[in-house]
Protein backbone atom coordinates (compact mmCIF):
# COMPACT_ATOMS: atom_id res chain seq x y z
CA MET A 1 0.00 0.00 0.00
CA ALA A 2 1.31 3.44 -0.88
CA LYS A 3 2.12 5.83 1.92
CA GLU A 4 -0.44 8.41 0.75
CA ALA A 5 -3.25 5.91 0.08
CA LEU A 6 -6.51 6.60 1.89
CA LEU A 7 -9.25 4.13 2.74
CA THR A 8 -12.62 5.07 1.23
CA MET A 9 -15.68 3.81 3.11
CA ASP A 10 -19.41 4.50 3.31
CA GLY A 11 -21.23 5.28 6.53
CA VAL A 12 -24.23 6.92 8.17
CA VAL A 13 -24.04 10.08 10.27
CA GLU A 14 -25.12 9.25 13.83
CA GLU A 15 -24.57 12.57 15.56
CA VAL A 16 -23.74 16.15 14.59
CA LEU A 17 -21.11 17.68 16.86
CA ARG A 18 -19.82 21.23 17.08
CA ASN A 19 -17.05 22.66 14.87
CA THR A 20 -18.47 20.85 11.81
CA GLN A 21 -17.56 17.44 13.19
CA PHE A 22 -19.70 14.34 12.93
CA ARG A 23 -19.90 10.90 14.52
CA VAL A 24 -20.21 8.41 11.64
CA SER A 25 -21.00 4.71 11.98
CA MET A 26 -19.84 2.32 9.27
CA ALA A 27 -21.23 -1.01 8.09
CA ASN A 28 -18.63 -3.00 10.03
CA GLY A 29 -19.80 -1.43 13.30
CA ALA A 30 -16.89 0.96 13.77
CA SER A 31 -17.52 4.56 14.80
CA VAL A 32 -15.42 7.38 13.33
CA LEU A 33 -15.06 11.05 14.21
CA ALA A 34 -15.17 12.90 10.88
CA TYR A 35 -15.14 16.45 9.56
CA ALA A 36 -16.50 17.94 6.33
CA CYS A 37 -14.01 18.57 3.54
CA ALA A 38 -13.41 22.07 2.21
CA ARG A 39 -15.49 21.49 -0.94
CA LEU A 40 -18.57 20.66 1.14
CA ARG A 41 -18.09 23.71 3.35
CA GLN A 42 -17.39 25.97 0.37
CA ASN A 43 -20.60 24.90 -1.40
CA ARG A 44 -22.56 25.03 1.90
CA ILE A 45 -23.73 21.43 1.72
CA ARG A 46 -25.55 20.62 4.94
CA ILE A 47 -24.99 17.28 6.63
CA ILE A 48 -27.54 16.14 9.20
CA ALA A 49 -27.98 13.00 11.28
CA GLY A 50 -29.13 10.05 9.18
CA ASP A 51 -27.34 11.10 5.97
CA LYS A 52 -25.36 8.52 4.04
CA VAL A 53 -21.83 9.77 3.41
CA THR A 54 -18.57 8.65 1.82
CA LEU A 55 -15.49 9.31 3.89
CA GLU A 56 -11.75 8.94 3.60
CA ILE A 57 -9.78 7.43 6.46
CA SER A 58 -6.02 7.45 6.93
CA PRO A 59 -4.52 3.98 7.44
CA TYR A 60 -2.52 5.39 10.36
CA ASP A 61 -5.50 6.56 12.46
CA LEU A 62 -8.70 4.59 11.86
CA THR A 63 -10.73 6.62 14.36
CA ARG A 64 -10.73 9.88 12.35
CA GLY A 65 -11.85 10.66 8.83
CA ARG A 66 -12.90 13.28 6.31
CA ILE A 67 -16.36 13.36 4.72
CA ASN A 68 -15.99 14.08 1.02
CA PHE A 69 -19.45 13.22 -0.36
CA ARG A 70 -23.04 13.27 0.92
CA HIS A 71 -25.39 10.92 -0.92
CA LYS A 72 -28.82 12.20 -1.91
CA ASP A 73 -31.97 10.65 -0.48
CA GLU A 74 -33.82 8.08 -2.56
CA ARG A 75 -37.12 9.88 -2.18
CA PRO A 76 -37.36 13.48 -3.45
CA MET A 77 -38.51 16.09 -0.98
CA ALA A 78 -41.95 17.58 -1.52
CA THR A 79 -41.54 21.22 -2.43
CA ALA A 80 -44.23 23.84 -2.69
CA PRO A 81 -44.49 25.72 -5.97
CA ARG A 82 -42.58 28.97 -5.82
CA ARG A 83 -44.71 32.09 -5.65
CA PHE A 84 -43.46 35.41 -6.81
CA PRO A 85 -44.64 38.60 -5.11
CA PHE A 86 -47.34 40.55 -6.87
CA LYS A 87 -45.97 43.54 -8.79
CA ARG A 88 -48.01 46.65 -9.46
CA LYS A 89 -47.47 48.37 -12.72
């Protein structure tokens, strides 16, 4: 394995902590403390408890990781039609 190689795993956000940190549980039962990558923060992508995420973990410390993708829900959210304010001419 290369020195710079990262482990990529999928998980579910259990808990939202302060300072944009999250407690993520993975399929194998492990729990990881993760933070959102810069691209997610820059594009203001919100991560809430219950979201499925993809994270990168260093092979040196398996208890910490970086969230680099949030998967969309299977069911679309019901949105109300957008109304524009009435304009007088």
